[in-house]
C-alpha atoms as a PDB file:
ATOM      1  CA  MET A   1     156.715   2.297 -83.102  1.00  0.00           C
ATOM      2  CA  ALA A   2     154.699   0.350 -80.634  1.00  0.00           C
ATOM      3  CA  PRO A   3     150.975   0.920 -80.514  1.00  0.00           C
ATOM      4  CA  PRO A   4     149.649   3.127 -77.732  1.00  0.00           C
ATOM      5  CA  SER A   5     148.387   0.129 -75.822  1.00  0.00           C
ATOM      6  CA  CYS A   6     151.909  -1.283 -75.739  1.00  0.00           C
ATOM      7  CA  ARG A   7     153.621   1.850 -74.459  1.00  0.00           C
ATOM      8  CA  PRO A   8     155.390   1.437 -71.134  1.00  0.00           C
ATOM      9  CA  ALA A   9     153.499   2.781 -68.225  1.00  0.00           C
ATOM     10  CA  VAL A  10     154.734   6.078 -66.844  1.00  0.00           C
ATOM     11  CA  PRO A  11     156.322   5.434 -63.472  1.00  0.00           C
ATOM     12  CA  ALA A  12     154.621   6.983 -60.517  1.00  0.00           C
ATOM     13  CA  PRO A  13     156.363  10.074 -59.212  1.00  0.00           C
ATOM     14  CA  SER A  14     158.564   9.465 -56.265  1.00  0.00           C
ATOM     15  CA  SER A  15     157.781  10.873 -52.881  1.00  0.00           C
ATOM     16  CA  ARG A  16     160.386  13.547 -53.434  1.00  0.00           C
ATOM     17  CA  LEU A  17     158.629  14.778 -56.535  1.00  0.00           C
ATOM     18  CA  ARG A  18     155.181  14.707 -55.079  1.00  0.00           C
ATOM     19  CA  ARG A  19     153.741  18.092 -54.175  1.00  0.00           C
ATOM     20  CA  ARG A  20     153.653  18.398 -50.464  1.00  0.00           C
ATOM     21  CA  PRO A  21     150.642  19.868 -48.731  1.00  0.00           C
ATOM     22  CA  PRO A  22     150.987  23.488 -47.593  1.00  0.00           C
ATOM     23  CA  PRO A  23     152.658  23.640 -44.234  1.00  0.00           C
ATOM     24  CA  ALA A  24     150.779  24.669 -41.212  1.00  0.00           C
ATOM     25  CA  VAL A  25     151.001  28.304 -40.176  1.00  0.00           C
ATOM     26  CA  LEU A  26     151.073  29.969 -36.858  1.00  0.00           C
ATOM     27  CA  PRO A  27     148.645  32.861 -37.180  1.00  0.00           C
ATOM     28  CA  GLY A  28     149.510  36.053 -35.358  1.00  0.00           C
ATOM     29  CA  VAL A  29     153.276  35.476 -35.330  1.00  0.00           C
ATOM     30  CA  ARG A  30     155.277  37.669 -37.671  1.00  0.00           C
ATOM     31  CA  CYS A  31     158.327  36.404 -39.487  1.00  0.00           C
ATOM     32  CA  PRO A  32     161.297  38.758 -39.948  1.00  0.00           C
ATOM     33  CA  ARG A  33     161.919  37.195 -43.375  1.00  0.00           C
ATOM     34  CA  ARG A  34     158.316  37.828 -44.425  1.00  0.00           C
ATOM     35  CA  CYS A  35     157.835  34.276 -45.683  1.00  0.00           C
ATOM     36  CA  HIS A  36     154.401  32.817 -46.485  1.00  0.00           C
ATOM     37  CA  ARG A  37     152.536  36.106 -46.339  1.00  0.00           C
ATOM     38  CA  ARG A  38     154.356  37.348 -43.278  1.00  0.00           C
ATOM     39  CA  TYR A  39     153.370  34.332 -41.192  1.00  0.00           C
ATOM     40  CA  VAL A  40     155.775  31.782 -39.764  1.00  0.00           C
ATOM     41  CA  ARG A  41     155.871  28.336 -41.317  1.00  0.00           C
ATOM     42  CA  ALA A  42     155.865  25.636 -38.696  1.00  0.00           C
ATOM     43  CA  GLY A  43     159.307  24.074 -38.579  1.00  0.00           C
ATOM     44  CA  ARG A  44     160.509  25.696 -41.813  1.00  0.00           C
ATOM     45  CA  CYS A  45     161.706  29.205 -40.833  1.00  0.00           C
ATOM     46  CA  ARG A  46     164.787  29.342 -38.671  1.00  0.00           C
ATOM     47  CA  ALA A  47     164.160  33.009 -37.911  1.00  0.00           C
ATOM     48  CA  ALA A  48     160.707  32.240 -36.560  1.00  0.00           C
ATOM     49  CA  GLU A  49     160.192  34.243 -33.433  1.00  0.00           C
ATOM     50  CA  SER A  50     157.546  36.376 -31.903  1.00  0.00           C
ATOM     51  CA  ARG A  51     158.208  40.076 -32.370  1.00  0.00           C
ATOM     52  CA  PRO A  52     156.214  42.173 -29.899  1.00  0.00           C
ATOM     53  CA  ARG A  53     154.605  45.147 -31.526  1.00  0.00           C
ATOM     54  CA  ARG A  54     155.757  48.574 -30.488  1.00  0.00           C
ATOM     55  CA  ARG A  55     153.400  50.377 -28.227  1.00  0.00           C
ATOM     56  CA  PRO A  56     152.759  54.021 -29.001  1.00  0.00           C
ATOM     57  CA  ALA A  57     154.667  56.370 -26.797  1.00  0.00           C
ATOM     58  CA  VAL A  58     152.631  58.106 -24.142  1.00  0.00           C
ATOM     59  CA  ALA A  59     153.600  61.433 -22.666  1.00  0.00           C
ATOM     60  CA  THR A  60     153.766  60.812 -18.951  1.00  0.00           C
ATOM     61  CA  GLY A  61     154.372  64.332 -17.710  1.00  0.00           C
ATOM     62  CA  THR A  62     155.957  63.118 -14.468  1.00  0.00           C
ATOM     63  CA  LEU A  63     158.440  60.779 -16.121  1.00  0.00           C
ATOM     64  CA  GLY A  64     159.277  63.009 -19.067  1.00  0.00           C
ATOM     65  CA  GLY A  65     158.173  60.436 -21.641  1.00  0.00           C
ATOM     66  CA  ARG A  66     159.689  60.544 -25.106  1.00  0.00           C
ATOM     67  CA  MET A  67     157.664  60.128 -28.274  1.00  0.00           C
ATOM     68  CA  ARG A  68     157.959  60.052 -32.023  1.00  0.00           C
ATOM     69  CA  ILE A  69     156.687  62.851 -34.194  1.00  0.00           C
ATOM     70  CA  SER A  70     153.631  60.804 -35.157  1.00  0.00           C
ATOM     71  CA  ASP A  71     152.796  60.348 -31.479  1.00  0.00           C
ATOM     72  CA  LEU A  72     153.383  64.068 -30.938  1.00  0.00           C
ATOM     73  CA  ALA A  73     150.845  64.837 -33.660  1.00  0.00           C
ATOM     74  CA  ARG A  74     148.341  62.361 -32.218  1.00  0.00           C
ATOM     75  CA  ILE A  75     148.590  63.618 -28.644  1.00  0.00           C
ATOM     76  CA  SER A  76     148.614  67.327 -29.506  1.00  0.00           C
ATOM     77  CA  GLY A  77     145.877  67.049 -32.124  1.00  0.00           C
ATOM     78  CA  ILE A  78     147.941  69.084 -34.606  1.00  0.00           C
ATOM     79  CA  PRO A  79     148.434  67.619 -38.110  1.00  0.00           C
ATOM     80  CA  LEU A  80     151.854  66.214 -38.860  1.00  0.00           C
ATOM     81  CA  PRO A  81     152.524  68.575 -41.830  1.00  0.00           C
ATOM     82  CA  THR A  82     151.775  71.539 -39.560  1.00  0.00           C
ATOM     83  CA  ILE A  83     154.278  70.310 -36.969  1.00  0.00           C
ATOM     84  CA  LYS A  84     156.937  69.917 -39.655  1.00  0.00           C
ATOM     85  CA  PHE A  85     156.145  73.437 -40.861  1.00  0.00           C
ATOM     86  CA  TYR A  86     156.643  74.793 -37.334  1.00  0.00           C
ATOM     87  CA  ILE A  87     160.006  73.017 -37.174  1.00  0.00           C
ATOM     88  CA  ARG A  88     161.096  74.480 -40.523  1.00  0.00           C
ATOM     89  CA  GLU A  89     160.027  77.959 -39.393  1.00  0.00           C
ATOM     90  CA  ARG A  90     161.932  77.444 -36.116  1.00  0.00           C
ATOM     91  CA  LEU A  91     158.830  77.964 -34.035  1.00  0.00           C
ATOM     92  CA  LEU A  92     159.251  74.460 -32.623  1.00  0.00           C
ATOM     93  CA  PRO A  93     162.727  73.198 -31.715  1.00  0.00           C
ATOM     94  CA  PRO A  94     163.782  69.968 -33.460  1.00  0.00           C
ATOM     95  CA  GLY A  95     163.733  66.695 -31.594  1.00  0.00           C
ATOM     96  CA  ARG A  96     166.693  64.698 -30.382  1.00  0.00           C
ATOM     97  CA  PRO A  97     168.052  62.570 -33.255  1.00  0.00           C
ATOM     98  CA  THR A  98     167.876  58.829 -32.611  1.00  0.00           C
ATOM     99  CA  ALA A  99     168.535  57.457 -36.108  1.00  0.00           C
ATOM    100  CA  ARG A 100     168.630  58.573 -39.692  1.00  0.00           C
ATOM    101  CA  ASN A 101     165.536  60.683 -40.385  1.00  0.00           C
ATOM    102  CA  GLN A 102     164.214  59.898 -36.912  1.00  0.00           C
ATOM    103  CA  ALA A 103     164.008  61.927 -33.736  1.00  0.00           C
ATOM    104  CA  GLU A 104     162.217  61.814 -30.425  1.00  0.00           C
ATOM    105  CA  TYR A 105     160.277  64.550 -28.730  1.00  0.00           C
ATOM    106  CA  GLY A 106     159.319  65.262 -25.158  1.00  0.00           C
ATOM    107  CA  GLU A 107     156.952  67.192 -22.939  1.00  0.00           C
ATOM    108  CA  GLU A 108     158.636  70.492 -23.771  1.00  0.00           C
ATOM    109  CA  HIS A 109     157.687  70.065 -27.442  1.00  0.00           C
ATOM    110  CA  LEU A 110     154.106  69.232 -26.505  1.00  0.00           C
ATOM    111  CA  ALA A 111     153.860  72.342 -24.314  1.00  0.00           C
ATOM    112  CA  ARG A 112     155.339  74.508 -27.075  1.00  0.00           C
ATOM    113  CA  LEU A 113     152.852  73.164 -29.616  1.00  0.00           C
ATOM    114  CA  ARG A 114     149.942  73.954 -27.326  1.00  0.00           C
ATOM    115  CA  LEU A 115     151.269  77.477 -26.794  1.00  0.00           C
ATOM    116  CA  ILE A 116     151.661  78.057 -30.539  1.00  0.00           C
ATOM    117  CA  ARG A 117     148.163  76.750 -31.141  1.00  0.00           C
ATOM    118  CA  VAL A 118     146.719  79.188 -28.581  1.00  0.00           C
ATOM    119  CA  LEU A 119     148.642  82.190 -29.892  1.00  0.00           C
ATOM    120  CA  ALA A 120     147.990  81.540 -33.585  1.00  0.00           C
ATOM    121  CA  GLY A 121     144.503  80.065 -33.096  1.00  0.00           C
ATOM    122  CA  ILE A 122     142.144  81.771 -30.680  1.00  0.00           C
ATOM    123  CA  GLY A 123     144.773  84.458 -30.087  1.00  0.00           C
ATOM    124  CA  ARG A 124     144.726  85.369 -33.806  1.00  0.00           C
ATOM    125  CA  LEU A 125     148.390  86.371 -33.882  1.00  0.00           C
ATOM    126  CA  SER A 126     150.370  86.332 -37.088  1.00  0.00           C
ATOM    127  CA  LEU A 127     153.313  83.972 -37.435  1.00  0.00           C
ATOM    128  CA  SER A 128     155.714  86.905 -37.179  1.00  0.00           C
ATOM    129  CA  SER A 129     154.113  87.957 -33.874  1.00  0.00           C
ATOM    130  CA  VAL A 130     154.197  84.374 -32.604  1.00  0.00           C
ATOM    131  CA  ARG A 131     157.868  84.165 -33.512  1.00  0.00           C
ATOM    132  CA  ARG A 132     158.645  87.365 -31.590  1.00  0.00           C
ATOM    133  CA  VAL A 133     156.725  86.168 -28.527  1.00  0.00           C
ATOM    134  CA  LEU A 134     158.504  82.814 -28.506  1.00  0.00           C
ATOM    135  CA  ALA A 135     161.878  84.493 -28.952  1.00  0.00           C
ATOM    136  CA  ALA A 136     161.177  86.694 -25.925  1.00  0.00           C
ATOM    137  CA  LEU A 137     160.098  83.688 -23.861  1.00  0.00           C
ATOM    138  CA  ASP A 138     163.228  81.737 -24.840  1.00  0.00           C
ATOM    139  CA  ASP A 139     165.535  84.520 -23.688  1.00  0.00           C
ATOM    140  CA  LYS A 140     166.385  83.145 -20.254  1.00  0.00           C
ATOM    141  CA  GLY A 141     169.000  85.815 -19.650  1.00  0.00           C
ATOM    142  CA  LEU A 142     166.338  88.422 -18.859  1.00  0.00           C
ATOM    143  CA  ALA A 143     164.792  89.025 -15.471  1.00  0.00           C
ATOM    144  CA  LEU A 144     161.074  88.396 -15.028  1.00  0.00           C
ATOM    145  CA  GLY A 145     160.116  92.052 -15.434  1.00  0.00           C
ATOM    146  CA  ALA A 146     162.245  92.542 -18.532  1.00  0.00           C
ATOM    147  CA  GLN A 147     161.010  89.301 -20.042  1.00  0.00           C
ATOM    148  CA  CYS A 148     157.376  90.255 -19.460  1.00  0.00           C
ATOM    149  CA  ARG A 149     158.010  93.641 -21.078  1.00  0.00           C
ATOM    150  CA  ALA A 150     159.645  91.919 -24.052  1.00  0.00           C
ATOM    151  CA  THR A 151     156.560  89.745 -24.541  1.00  0.00           C
ATOM    152  CA  ILE A 152     154.326  92.825 -24.332  1.00  0.00           C
ATOM    153  CA  TRP A 153     156.354  94.540 -27.040  1.00  0.00           C
ATOM    154  CA  ALA A 154     156.227  91.379 -29.161  1.00  0.00           C
ATOM    155  CA  LEU A 155     152.414  91.419 -29.102  1.00  0.00           C
ATOM    156  CA  PHE A 156     152.190  94.722 -30.951  1.00  0.00           C
ATOM    157  CA  PRO A 157     151.369  94.325 -34.655  1.00  0.00           C
ATOM    158  CA  ASP A 158     153.877  95.050 -37.366  1.00  0.00           C
ATOM    159  CA  GLN A 159     154.198  98.768 -37.967  1.00  0.00           C
ATOM    160  CA  PRO A 160     153.491 100.115 -41.475  1.00  0.00           C
ATOM    161  CA  GLU A 161     156.251 101.586 -43.558  1.00  0.00           C
ATOM    162  CA  GLU A 162     156.999 105.284 -43.282  1.00  0.00           C
ATOM    163  CA  ASP A 163     155.809 105.781 -46.857  1.00  0.00           C
ATOM    164  CA  ASP A 164     152.336 104.621 -45.828  1.00  0.00           C
ATOM    165  CA  ALA A 165     152.105 107.300 -43.101  1.00  0.00           C
ATOM    166  CA  PRO A 166     154.181 110.334 -44.132  1.00  0.00           C
ATOM    167  CA  ASP A 167     152.377 112.692 -41.728  1.00  0.00           C
ATOM    168  CA  VAL A 168     152.760 110.555 -38.604  1.00  0.00           C
ATOM    169  CA  GLY A 169     155.298 112.942 -37.054  1.00  0.00           C
ATOM    170  CA  PRO A 170     152.754 115.404 -35.566  1.00  0.00           C
ATOM    171  CA  ALA A 171     150.742 112.487 -34.190  1.00  0.00           C
ATOM    172  CA  ARG A 172     153.810 111.152 -32.399  1.00  0.00           C
ATOM    173  CA  VAL A 173     154.286 114.504 -30.698  1.00  0.00           C
ATOM    174  CA  GLN A 174     150.697 114.410 -29.469  1.00  0.00           C
ATOM    175  CA  VAL A 175     151.083 110.823 -28.267  1.00  0.00           C
ATOM    176  CA  ASP A 176     154.240 111.642 -26.312  1.00  0.00           C
ATOM    177  CA  ALA A 177     152.556 114.603 -24.616  1.00  0.00           C
ATOM    178  CA  PHE A 178     149.466 112.493 -23.894  1.00  0.00           C
ATOM    179  CA  ILE A 179     151.527 109.769 -22.179  1.00  0.00           C
ATOM    180  CA  ASP A 180     153.346 112.390 -20.103  1.00  0.00           C
ATOM    181  CA  ARG A 181     150.033 113.853 -18.893  1.00  0.00           C
ATOM    182  CA  LEU A 182     148.867 110.389 -17.886  1.00  0.00           C
ATOM    183  CA  GLY A 183     152.015 109.890 -15.846  1.00  0.00           C
ATOM    184  CA  TRP A 184     152.765 106.530 -17.467  1.00  0.00           C
ATOM    185  CA  GLU A 185     156.325 105.250 -17.406  1.00  0.00           C
ATOM    186  CA  VAL A 186     156.585 104.045 -20.987  1.00  0.00           C
ATOM    187  CA  ASP A 187     159.894 103.563 -22.748  1.00  0.00           C
ATOM    188  CA  VAL A 188     160.561 105.979 -25.601  1.00  0.00           C
ATOM    189  CA  ALA A 189     161.252 102.973 -27.859  1.00  0.00           C
ATOM    190  CA  SER A 190     157.989 101.233 -26.977  1.00  0.00           C
ATOM    191  CA  PRO A 191     156.093 100.127 -30.096  1.00  0.00           C
ATOM    192  CA  GLY A 192     152.894 101.225 -28.367  1.00  0.00           C
ATOM    193  CA  ARG A 193     153.770 104.858 -29.026  1.00  0.00           C
ATOM    194  CA  ASP A 194     154.109 104.235 -32.759  1.00  0.00           C
ATOM    195  CA  THR A 195     150.938 102.147 -32.860  1.00  0.00           C
ATOM    196  CA  LEU A 196     148.872 104.867 -31.188  1.00  0.00           C
ATOM    197  CA  ALA A 197     150.430 107.505 -33.451  1.00  0.00           C
ATOM    198  CA  HIS A 198     149.493 105.553 -36.584  1.00  0.00           C
ATOM    199  CA  VAL A 199     145.930 105.085 -35.313  1.00  0.00           C
ATOM    200  CA  LEU A 200     145.614 108.798 -34.572  1.00  0.00           C
ATOM    201  CA  THR A 201     146.986 109.654 -38.020  1.00  0.00           C
ATOM    202  CA  ALA A 202     144.441 107.371 -39.710  1.00  0.00           C
ATOM    203  CA  LEU A 203     141.598 108.987 -37.745  1.00  0.00           C
ATOM    204  CA  GLN A 204     142.782 112.496 -38.606  1.00  0.00           C
ATOM    205  CA  ARG A 205     142.785 111.586 -42.286  1.00  0.00           C
ATOM    206  CA  LEU A 206     139.082 110.824 -41.975  1.00  0.00           C
ATOM    207  CA  ASP A 207     138.103 113.480 -39.413  1.00  0.00           C
ATOM    208  CA  ALA A 208     140.167 116.657 -39.144  1.00  0.00           C
ATOM    209  CA  ASP A 209     138.653 117.556 -35.742  1.00  0.00           C
ATOM    210  CA  CYS A 210     139.916 114.366 -34.070  1.00  0.00           C
ATOM    211  CA  ASP A 211     142.801 114.754 -31.604  1.00  0.00           C
ATOM    212  CA  ILE A 212     144.554 112.625 -29.003  1.00  0.00           C
ATOM    213  CA  GLU A 213     142.031 113.492 -26.295  1.00  0.00           C
ATOM    214  CA  VAL A 214     139.555 111.120 -27.903  1.00  0.00           C
ATOM    215  CA  PHE A 215     141.480 108.312 -26.201  1.00  0.00           C
ATOM    216  CA  SER A 216     141.205 109.743 -22.670  1.00  0.00           C
ATOM    217  CA  GLU A 217     138.387 107.416 -21.641  1.00  0.00           C
ATOM    218  CA  HIS A 218     140.210 104.458 -23.154  1.00  0.00           C
ATOM    219  CA  ALA A 219     143.347 105.312 -21.194  1.00  0.00           C
ATOM    220  CA  GLU A 220     141.446 105.494 -17.905  1.00  0.00           C
ATOM    221  CA  SER A 221     139.717 102.193 -18.605  1.00  0.00           C
ATOM    222  CA  ALA A 222     143.000 100.535 -19.590  1.00  0.00           C
ATOM    223  CA  GLU A 223     144.728 101.660 -16.380  1.00  0.00           C
ATOM    224  CA  ARG A 224     141.808 100.466 -14.273  1.00  0.00           C
ATOM    225  CA  ILE A 225     141.772  97.070 -15.990  1.00  0.00           C
ATOM    226  CA  VAL A 226     145.534  96.591 -15.655  1.00  0.00           C
ATOM    227  CA  THR A 227     145.415  97.468 -11.952  1.00  0.00           C
ATOM    228  CA  HIS A 228     142.650  94.925 -11.431  1.00  0.00           C
ATOM    229  CA  GLU A 229     144.567  92.265 -13.351  1.00  0.00           C
ATOM    230  CA  PHE A 230     147.780  92.642 -11.357  1.00  0.00           C
ATOM    231  CA  GLN A 231     145.887  92.649  -8.074  1.00  0.00           C
ATOM    232  CA  HIS A 232     144.106  89.381  -8.824  1.00  0.00           C
ATOM    233  CA  GLU A 233     146.395  87.704 -11.364  1.00  0.00           C
ATOM    234  CA  SER A 234     150.043  87.462 -10.354  1.00  0.00           C
ATOM    235  CA  ALA A 235     152.500  87.225 -13.246  1.00  0.00           C
ATOM    236  CA  HIS A 236     154.383  84.178 -11.954  1.00  0.00           C
ATOM    237  CA  SER A 237     155.940  83.603 -15.366  1.00  0.00           C
ATOM    238  CA  ALA A 238     156.374  85.443 -18.638  1.00  0.00           C
ATOM    239  CA  THR A 239     154.548  82.658 -20.482  1.00  0.00           C
ATOM    240  CA  ALA A 240     151.482  82.946 -18.245  1.00  0.00           C
ATOM    241  CA  MET A 241     151.427  86.706 -18.698  1.00  0.00           C
ATOM    242  CA  ALA A 242     151.756  86.461 -22.485  1.00  0.00           C
ATOM    243  CA  VAL A 243     148.903  83.936 -22.694  1.00  0.00           C
ATOM    244  CA  TRP A 244     146.721  86.045 -20.399  1.00  0.00           C
ATOM    245  CA  ASN A 245     147.371  89.203 -22.438  1.00  0.00           C
ATOM    246  CA  VAL A 246     146.460  87.507 -25.701  1.00  0.00           C
ATOM    247  CA  LEU A 247     143.333  85.736 -24.480  1.00  0.00           C
ATOM    248  CA  SER A 248     142.058  88.615 -22.339  1.00  0.00           C
ATOM    249  CA  GLU A 249     142.325  90.992 -25.311  1.00  0.00           C
ATOM    250  CA  VAL A 250     140.281  88.601 -27.423  1.00  0.00           C
ATOM    251  CA  ALA A 251     137.704  88.256 -24.638  1.00  0.00           C
ATOM    252  CA  PHE A 252     137.532  92.026 -24.087  1.00  0.00           C
ATOM    253  CA  GLU A 253     137.060  92.631 -27.797  1.00  0.00           C
ATOM    254  CA  ALA A 254     134.218  90.111 -27.877  1.00  0.00           C
ATOM    255  CA  MET A 255     132.533  91.709 -24.834  1.00  0.00           C
ATOM    256  CA  ARG A 256     132.949  95.192 -26.319  1.00  0.00           C
ATOM    257  CA  ARG A 257     131.276  94.053 -29.522  1.00  0.00           C
ATOM    258  CA  MET A 258     128.405  92.502 -27.563  1.00  0.00           C
ATOM    259  CA  ALA A 259     128.037  95.671 -25.465  1.00  0.00           C
ATOM    260  CA  GLN A 260     127.775  97.696 -28.661  1.00  0.00           C
ATOM    261  CA  GLU A 261     125.147  95.307 -29.987  1.00  0.00           C
ATOM    262  CA  SER A 262     123.176  95.553 -26.765  1.00  0.00           C
ATOM    263  CA  TYR A 263     123.346  99.351 -26.743  1.00  0.00           C
ATOM    264  CA  LEU A 264     122.163  99.569 -30.347  1.00  0.00           C
ATOM    265  CA  ALA A 265     119.308  97.168 -29.631  1.00  0.00           C
ATOM    266  CA  ARG A 266     118.082  99.329 -26.742  1.00  0.00           C
ATOM    267  CA  ARG A 267     118.556 102.655 -28.479  1.00  0.00           C
ATOM    268  CA  TYR A 268     117.070 101.808 -31.857  1.00  0.00           C
ATOM    269  CA  ALA A 269     114.368  99.407 -30.717  1.00  0.00           C
ATOM    270  CA  THR A 270     110.953  99.923 -32.281  1.00  0.00           C
ATOM    271  CA  PRO A 271     108.054 100.925 -29.998  1.00  0.00           C
ATOM    272  CA  ALA A 272     106.694  97.386 -30.196  1.00  0.00           C
ATOM    273  CA  GLU A 273     110.014  95.976 -29.016  1.00  0.00           C
ATOM    274  CA  GLN A 274     110.489  98.432 -26.122  1.00  0.00           C
ATOM    275  CA  PRO A 275     109.542  97.077 -22.687  1.00  0.00           C
ATOM    276  CA  ALA A 276     106.349  98.482 -21.221  1.00  0.00           C
ATOM    277  CA  SER A 277     106.940 101.102 -18.514  1.00  0.00           C
ATOM    278  CA  ALA A 278     105.586 100.376 -15.044  1.00  0.00           C
END
């Protein structure tokens, strides 16, 4: 064995074996093959091409723009899981399928989401009531008057079971006679009759001297308010009327509560808090 000093020198690596410097990159250009950290190698990737990024869809209103469900959530401000829940509950119609597990949505879905948000949000309606209102609005076979009446019926709360109000029969007789004295043209199947009968029954359970005449002032006020509303607010669509009914009831309830607070403050004010008489 030759000594180390006599060993043949190791040949220098050929140019083919030498490690080449990293190729130049073109920053900002994506490669479909995702080579070199998703950047295109200069002169090495045959599939190198600029792929323009997709712009988010924008609802144009006049052009009927289409959008994905993520864009629908962004524009409406409603979380994506909530939108999917509305679709599962059939409150929101599904979008038009474009691919597997993909669909596109339009202005009609955006308008429906805003309506649901008003009814279930500030309107404080239950999902069952919202479903009944939307079903009445989707029934295009009805005339405007019948459709508006259907939305009014849909706004009534769910009635309790008969077992919860076994003595509601006498109250219904009083309610029917009360409506006849008022001269109101109310259908015999209107849920308003049952609602008023259940309220009267609950009051009679607490106060035996209470009868239907306790609602006389409320009936006069309701008729005066409705007359004012129809004189100044025309029901040009069933949707507009449903929204107005829901929001005006919430506003009236808030004003009634504030009027009660103001009355109590004036009536039970201490002498120091009462204004000085002139």
